[in-house]
N, C-alpha and C. Protein backbone atom coordinates (compact mmCIF):
# COMPACT_ATOMS: atom_id res chain seq x y z
N UNK A 1 23.33 63.78 -11.45
CA UNK A 1 24.41 64.73 -11.26
C UNK A 1 23.90 65.90 -10.40
N UNK A 2 24.75 66.33 -9.50
CA UNK A 2 24.48 67.50 -8.67
C UNK A 2 25.64 68.44 -8.85
N UNK A 3 25.35 69.67 -9.26
CA UNK A 3 26.40 70.66 -9.51
C UNK A 3 27.47 70.14 -10.45
N UNK A 4 27.08 69.36 -11.45
CA UNK A 4 28.01 68.84 -12.44
C UNK A 4 28.84 67.65 -11.97
N UNK A 5 28.61 67.17 -10.78
CA UNK A 5 29.36 66.04 -10.23
C UNK A 5 28.49 64.79 -10.20
N UNK A 6 29.11 63.63 -10.37
CA UNK A 6 28.38 62.37 -10.34
C UNK A 6 27.89 62.06 -8.93
N UNK A 7 26.66 61.56 -8.86
CA UNK A 7 26.05 61.16 -7.60
C UNK A 7 25.41 59.80 -7.81
N UNK A 8 25.59 58.90 -6.86
CA UNK A 8 24.93 57.59 -6.93
C UNK A 8 23.80 57.57 -5.91
N UNK A 9 22.64 57.11 -6.34
CA UNK A 9 21.49 56.93 -5.45
C UNK A 9 21.09 55.47 -5.55
N UNK A 10 20.98 54.82 -4.41
CA UNK A 10 20.61 53.41 -4.42
C UNK A 10 19.76 53.08 -3.21
N UNK A 11 19.09 51.95 -3.29
CA UNK A 11 18.29 51.44 -2.19
C UNK A 11 19.01 50.24 -1.59
N UNK A 12 19.05 50.20 -0.27
CA UNK A 12 19.73 49.13 0.45
C UNK A 12 18.71 48.43 1.35
N UNK A 13 18.66 47.12 1.26
CA UNK A 13 17.75 46.34 2.09
C UNK A 13 18.52 45.74 3.27
N UNK A 14 17.91 45.82 4.44
CA UNK A 14 18.44 45.11 5.61
C UNK A 14 17.34 44.19 6.10
N UNK A 15 17.72 42.98 6.49
CA UNK A 15 16.74 41.99 6.93
C UNK A 15 17.07 41.50 8.33
N UNK A 16 16.02 41.24 9.08
CA UNK A 16 16.15 40.69 10.42
C UNK A 16 15.29 39.43 10.47
N UNK A 17 15.88 38.32 10.93
CA UNK A 17 15.12 37.08 11.04
C UNK A 17 15.06 36.64 12.50
N UNK A 18 13.95 36.01 12.85
CA UNK A 18 13.77 35.50 14.20
C UNK A 18 12.75 34.37 14.18
N UNK A 19 12.70 33.65 15.28
CA UNK A 19 11.75 32.54 15.42
C UNK A 19 10.61 33.01 16.32
N UNK A 20 9.38 32.88 15.84
CA UNK A 20 8.20 33.27 16.61
C UNK A 20 8.10 32.39 17.85
N UNK A 21 7.97 33.01 19.02
CA UNK A 21 7.93 32.26 20.28
C UNK A 21 6.70 31.37 20.39
N UNK A 22 5.59 31.82 19.85
CA UNK A 22 4.33 31.07 19.98
C UNK A 22 4.22 29.93 18.98
N UNK A 23 4.59 30.18 17.73
CA UNK A 23 4.38 29.18 16.69
C UNK A 23 5.65 28.43 16.30
N UNK A 24 6.81 28.99 16.66
CA UNK A 24 8.07 28.38 16.25
C UNK A 24 8.41 28.66 14.79
N UNK A 25 7.56 29.43 14.14
CA UNK A 25 7.75 29.76 12.72
C UNK A 25 8.86 30.80 12.55
N UNK A 26 9.66 30.61 11.51
CA UNK A 26 10.72 31.56 11.19
C UNK A 26 10.09 32.79 10.54
N UNK A 27 10.42 33.98 11.06
CA UNK A 27 9.89 35.24 10.56
C UNK A 27 11.04 36.08 10.02
N UNK A 28 10.71 36.95 9.08
CA UNK A 28 11.72 37.85 8.51
C UNK A 28 11.08 39.20 8.24
N UNK A 29 11.81 40.26 8.57
CA UNK A 29 11.36 41.61 8.28
C UNK A 29 12.47 42.31 7.50
N UNK A 30 12.10 42.89 6.36
CA UNK A 30 13.05 43.60 5.53
C UNK A 30 12.71 45.08 5.53
N UNK A 31 13.72 45.91 5.72
CA UNK A 31 13.54 47.36 5.67
C UNK A 31 14.41 47.90 4.55
N UNK A 32 13.93 48.96 3.90
CA UNK A 32 14.65 49.57 2.78
C UNK A 32 15.17 50.94 3.19
N UNK A 33 16.40 51.23 2.79
CA UNK A 33 17.06 52.48 3.14
C UNK A 33 17.55 53.15 1.86
N UNK A 34 17.41 54.46 1.79
CA UNK A 34 17.93 55.22 0.66
C UNK A 34 19.36 55.63 0.97
N UNK A 35 20.24 55.44 -0.01
CA UNK A 35 21.65 55.79 0.15
C UNK A 35 22.01 56.77 -0.97
N UNK A 36 22.69 57.86 -0.61
CA UNK A 36 23.14 58.84 -1.59
C UNK A 36 24.65 58.99 -1.42
N UNK A 37 25.39 58.80 -2.53
CA UNK A 37 26.85 58.84 -2.50
C UNK A 37 27.32 60.03 -3.32
N UNK A 38 28.09 60.94 -2.68
CA UNK A 38 28.58 62.14 -3.34
C UNK A 38 30.05 62.04 -3.72
N UNK A 39 30.80 61.11 -3.16
CA UNK A 39 32.21 60.98 -3.47
C UNK A 39 32.38 60.35 -4.85
N UNK A 40 33.07 61.05 -5.76
CA UNK A 40 33.19 60.55 -7.13
C UNK A 40 33.92 59.22 -7.21
N UNK A 41 34.91 59.00 -6.35
CA UNK A 41 35.62 57.72 -6.33
C UNK A 41 34.69 56.58 -5.97
N UNK A 42 33.88 56.78 -4.93
CA UNK A 42 32.92 55.74 -4.53
C UNK A 42 31.83 55.57 -5.58
N UNK A 43 31.42 56.66 -6.23
CA UNK A 43 30.42 56.56 -7.29
C UNK A 43 30.94 55.67 -8.41
N UNK A 44 32.21 55.85 -8.79
CA UNK A 44 32.80 55.02 -9.84
C UNK A 44 32.88 53.55 -9.43
N UNK A 45 33.23 53.28 -8.18
CA UNK A 45 33.28 51.91 -7.68
C UNK A 45 31.89 51.29 -7.74
N UNK A 46 30.89 52.04 -7.33
CA UNK A 46 29.51 51.54 -7.34
C UNK A 46 29.07 51.22 -8.77
N UNK A 47 29.36 52.13 -9.70
CA UNK A 47 28.98 51.90 -11.10
C UNK A 47 29.66 50.65 -11.66
N UNK A 48 30.92 50.45 -11.31
CA UNK A 48 31.70 49.36 -11.89
C UNK A 48 31.44 48.01 -11.23
N UNK A 49 31.31 47.97 -9.92
CA UNK A 49 31.30 46.69 -9.22
C UNK A 49 29.99 46.32 -8.54
N UNK A 50 29.21 47.27 -8.10
CA UNK A 50 28.01 46.96 -7.33
C UNK A 50 26.87 46.53 -8.24
N UNK A 51 26.28 45.41 -7.93
CA UNK A 51 25.15 44.86 -8.69
C UNK A 51 23.98 44.63 -7.74
N UNK A 52 22.80 44.49 -8.29
CA UNK A 52 21.62 44.19 -7.48
C UNK A 52 21.88 42.90 -6.70
N UNK A 53 21.64 42.94 -5.41
CA UNK A 53 21.85 41.78 -4.56
C UNK A 53 23.23 41.71 -3.94
N UNK A 54 24.14 42.62 -4.32
CA UNK A 54 25.48 42.63 -3.72
C UNK A 54 25.37 42.95 -2.23
N UNK A 55 26.22 42.29 -1.45
CA UNK A 55 26.26 42.56 -0.02
C UNK A 55 27.30 43.64 0.24
N UNK A 56 26.91 44.65 1.01
CA UNK A 56 27.82 45.75 1.32
C UNK A 56 27.71 46.11 2.79
N UNK A 57 28.79 46.66 3.29
CA UNK A 57 28.81 47.29 4.61
C UNK A 57 29.08 48.76 4.34
N UNK A 58 28.29 49.63 4.94
CA UNK A 58 28.55 51.05 4.73
C UNK A 58 28.35 51.83 6.00
N UNK A 59 29.08 52.94 6.07
CA UNK A 59 28.95 53.89 7.16
C UNK A 59 28.81 55.26 6.53
N UNK A 60 27.87 56.02 7.03
CA UNK A 60 27.66 57.37 6.52
C UNK A 60 26.89 58.19 7.53
N UNK A 61 26.40 59.31 7.07
CA UNK A 61 25.66 60.22 7.92
C UNK A 61 24.18 60.13 7.59
N UNK A 62 23.34 60.09 8.62
CA UNK A 62 21.90 60.11 8.40
C UNK A 62 21.45 61.54 8.19
N UNK A 63 20.59 61.74 7.20
CA UNK A 63 20.07 63.07 6.91
C UNK A 63 18.61 62.94 6.49
N UNK A 64 17.76 63.78 7.06
CA UNK A 64 16.35 63.79 6.69
C UNK A 64 16.09 65.05 5.88
N UNK A 65 15.51 64.86 4.70
CA UNK A 65 15.19 66.02 3.86
C UNK A 65 13.68 66.11 3.68
N UNK A 66 13.25 67.33 3.43
CA UNK A 66 11.84 67.62 3.25
C UNK A 66 11.60 67.93 1.78
N UNK A 67 10.49 67.41 1.23
CA UNK A 67 10.12 67.71 -0.14
C UNK A 67 8.61 67.77 -0.24
N UNK A 68 8.11 68.37 -1.29
CA UNK A 68 6.67 68.54 -1.47
C UNK A 68 6.16 67.58 -2.52
N UNK A 69 5.15 66.80 -2.16
CA UNK A 69 4.50 65.88 -3.09
C UNK A 69 3.71 66.71 -4.10
N UNK A 70 4.04 66.56 -5.38
CA UNK A 70 3.41 67.37 -6.42
C UNK A 70 1.92 67.06 -6.56
N UNK A 71 1.52 65.82 -6.34
CA UNK A 71 0.11 65.46 -6.50
C UNK A 71 -0.76 65.96 -5.35
N UNK A 72 -0.31 65.75 -4.12
CA UNK A 72 -1.13 66.12 -2.97
C UNK A 72 -0.78 67.49 -2.41
N UNK A 73 0.40 68.00 -2.74
CA UNK A 73 0.84 69.28 -2.20
C UNK A 73 1.30 69.20 -0.77
N UNK A 74 1.35 67.99 -0.20
CA UNK A 74 1.75 67.81 1.19
C UNK A 74 3.27 67.71 1.31
N UNK A 75 3.77 68.14 2.46
CA UNK A 75 5.19 67.98 2.75
C UNK A 75 5.47 66.52 3.05
N UNK A 76 6.55 66.00 2.50
CA UNK A 76 6.99 64.63 2.74
C UNK A 76 8.41 64.69 3.27
N UNK A 77 8.81 63.63 3.95
CA UNK A 77 10.14 63.55 4.53
C UNK A 77 10.80 62.25 4.12
N UNK A 78 12.09 62.30 3.90
CA UNK A 78 12.84 61.12 3.52
C UNK A 78 14.17 61.12 4.28
N UNK A 79 14.45 60.03 4.99
CA UNK A 79 15.72 59.90 5.68
C UNK A 79 16.65 59.08 4.81
N UNK A 80 17.85 59.61 4.59
CA UNK A 80 18.82 58.98 3.70
C UNK A 80 20.14 58.79 4.43
N UNK A 81 20.92 57.83 3.96
CA UNK A 81 22.28 57.62 4.44
C UNK A 81 23.19 58.29 3.42
N UNK A 82 23.94 59.31 3.85
CA UNK A 82 24.83 60.04 2.96
C UNK A 82 26.25 59.54 3.10
N UNK A 83 26.89 59.27 1.97
CA UNK A 83 28.30 58.93 1.95
C UNK A 83 29.03 60.08 1.28
N UNK A 84 29.65 60.90 2.11
CA UNK A 84 30.42 62.04 1.63
C UNK A 84 31.40 62.43 2.72
N UNK A 85 32.47 63.08 2.33
CA UNK A 85 33.45 63.51 3.31
C UNK A 85 34.14 62.33 3.97
N UNK A 86 34.93 62.64 4.98
CA UNK A 86 35.60 61.59 5.74
C UNK A 86 34.57 60.89 6.61
N UNK A 87 34.89 59.79 7.17
CA UNK A 87 33.98 58.97 7.98
C UNK A 87 32.92 58.26 7.15
N UNK A 88 33.07 58.24 5.83
CA UNK A 88 32.16 57.47 4.97
C UNK A 88 32.90 56.25 4.47
N UNK A 89 32.27 55.09 4.62
CA UNK A 89 32.91 53.84 4.24
C UNK A 89 31.95 53.00 3.43
N UNK A 90 32.47 52.37 2.38
CA UNK A 90 31.72 51.39 1.61
C UNK A 90 32.62 50.19 1.44
N UNK A 91 32.21 49.05 1.99
CA UNK A 91 32.97 47.81 1.87
C UNK A 91 32.09 46.78 1.19
N UNK A 92 32.59 46.22 0.10
CA UNK A 92 31.85 45.18 -0.60
C UNK A 92 32.14 43.85 0.09
N UNK A 93 31.09 43.11 0.40
CA UNK A 93 31.19 41.83 1.08
C UNK A 93 30.77 40.73 0.13
N UNK A 94 30.96 39.50 0.53
CA UNK A 94 30.43 38.40 -0.27
C UNK A 94 31.48 37.38 -0.60
N UNK A 95 31.10 36.48 -1.49
CA UNK A 95 31.92 35.34 -1.85
C UNK A 95 32.92 35.61 -2.93
N UNK A 96 33.30 34.52 -3.62
CA UNK A 96 34.37 34.58 -4.60
C UNK A 96 34.04 35.41 -5.83
N UNK A 97 32.77 35.64 -6.12
CA UNK A 97 32.40 36.42 -7.29
C UNK A 97 32.27 37.90 -7.01
N UNK A 98 32.48 38.31 -5.77
CA UNK A 98 32.39 39.73 -5.46
C UNK A 98 33.68 40.20 -4.83
N UNK A 99 33.97 41.46 -5.03
CA UNK A 99 35.19 42.05 -4.51
C UNK A 99 35.07 42.21 -3.00
N UNK A 100 36.17 42.01 -2.29
CA UNK A 100 36.16 42.23 -0.84
C UNK A 100 37.06 43.40 -0.48
N UNK A 101 37.39 44.22 -1.46
CA UNK A 101 38.21 45.38 -1.18
C UNK A 101 37.43 46.36 -0.32
N UNK A 102 38.16 47.09 0.51
CA UNK A 102 37.56 48.10 1.36
C UNK A 102 37.78 49.45 0.70
N UNK A 103 36.71 50.14 0.41
CA UNK A 103 36.79 51.45 -0.19
C UNK A 103 36.43 52.45 0.89
N UNK A 104 37.41 52.78 1.72
CA UNK A 104 37.20 53.67 2.86
C UNK A 104 37.62 55.06 2.44
N UNK A 105 36.68 55.98 2.41
CA UNK A 105 36.96 57.32 1.92
C UNK A 105 37.95 58.03 2.81
N UNK A 106 38.05 57.68 4.07
CA UNK A 106 38.98 58.36 4.94
C UNK A 106 40.42 58.08 4.53
N UNK A 107 40.65 57.03 3.74
CA UNK A 107 41.98 56.72 3.26
C UNK A 107 42.24 57.33 1.89
N UNK A 108 41.21 57.88 1.25
CA UNK A 108 41.36 58.49 -0.05
C UNK A 108 41.60 59.98 0.13
N UNK A 109 41.99 60.64 -0.96
CA UNK A 109 42.13 62.08 -0.89
C UNK A 109 40.75 62.70 -0.76
N UNK A 110 40.71 63.88 -0.18
CA UNK A 110 39.42 64.53 0.06
C UNK A 110 38.74 64.85 -1.26
N UNK A 111 37.45 64.63 -1.32
CA UNK A 111 36.66 64.89 -2.52
C UNK A 111 36.65 66.37 -2.84
N UNK A 112 36.59 66.69 -4.12
CA UNK A 112 36.51 68.08 -4.54
C UNK A 112 35.07 68.56 -4.62
N UNK A 113 34.13 67.75 -4.14
CA UNK A 113 32.73 68.14 -4.18
C UNK A 113 32.48 69.27 -3.20
N UNK A 114 31.64 70.22 -3.59
CA UNK A 114 31.31 71.30 -2.67
C UNK A 114 30.48 70.78 -1.51
N UNK A 115 30.54 71.50 -0.38
CA UNK A 115 29.75 71.11 0.78
C UNK A 115 28.27 71.24 0.51
N UNK A 116 27.87 72.16 -0.37
CA UNK A 116 26.47 72.32 -0.73
C UNK A 116 26.11 71.22 -1.71
N UNK A 117 25.26 70.31 -1.29
CA UNK A 117 24.95 69.12 -2.09
C UNK A 117 23.58 69.22 -2.75
N UNK A 118 23.21 70.35 -3.23
CA UNK A 118 21.94 70.48 -3.91
C UNK A 118 20.79 70.40 -2.95
N UNK A 119 19.83 69.52 -3.22
CA UNK A 119 18.62 69.43 -2.42
C UNK A 119 18.79 68.64 -1.13
N UNK A 120 19.96 68.04 -0.92
CA UNK A 120 20.19 67.27 0.30
C UNK A 120 20.99 68.14 1.25
N UNK A 121 20.43 68.42 2.42
CA UNK A 121 21.12 69.24 3.40
C UNK A 121 21.70 68.34 4.48
N UNK A 122 22.91 68.69 4.91
CA UNK A 122 23.54 67.90 5.96
C UNK A 122 23.83 68.80 7.15
N UNK A 123 23.91 68.20 8.30
CA UNK A 123 24.32 68.88 9.52
C UNK A 123 25.60 68.23 9.98
N UNK A 124 26.59 69.06 10.34
CA UNK A 124 27.84 68.50 10.84
C UNK A 124 27.61 68.02 12.26
N UNK A 125 27.77 66.74 12.48
CA UNK A 125 27.59 66.15 13.79
C UNK A 125 28.93 65.61 14.27
N UNK A 126 29.28 65.93 15.49
CA UNK A 126 30.52 65.42 16.05
C UNK A 126 30.36 63.99 16.54
N UNK A 127 29.16 63.62 16.93
CA UNK A 127 28.91 62.27 17.44
C UNK A 127 28.70 61.32 16.28
N UNK A 128 29.29 60.16 16.39
CA UNK A 128 29.07 59.13 15.38
C UNK A 128 27.79 58.39 15.71
N UNK A 129 27.05 58.01 14.68
CA UNK A 129 25.80 57.27 14.86
C UNK A 129 26.10 55.80 14.61
N UNK A 130 25.92 54.94 15.61
CA UNK A 130 26.23 53.52 15.41
C UNK A 130 25.17 52.84 14.56
N UNK A 131 25.60 51.87 13.77
CA UNK A 131 24.67 51.09 12.96
C UNK A 131 24.66 49.68 13.47
């Protein structure tokens, strides 16, 4: 919870597969992304329907935050995908056992969450970042 409001934090894996030119062997690289959801409607959908391994499509804002490692005392940085405000989309993908409804926040009423999101700072960007 941030400022008394529900927040969802999750990790999202994206994978890229290709065939090695030299060996013909199939290769795969998986990257992990941190996702933070501030919209209470989307948080409720995530709690109710999203399970480990669920396929999702999402659009949000990239934000890098700085924090201090308590053990080493060094500054650390974490880039997160924020789903808040308009222009945030979460679409559940998959087969017959998963919902295919589109939960597009731009079609919902505006969230009552304050713009100050606790330790996560955002910058208003007019340009959309393609994924």
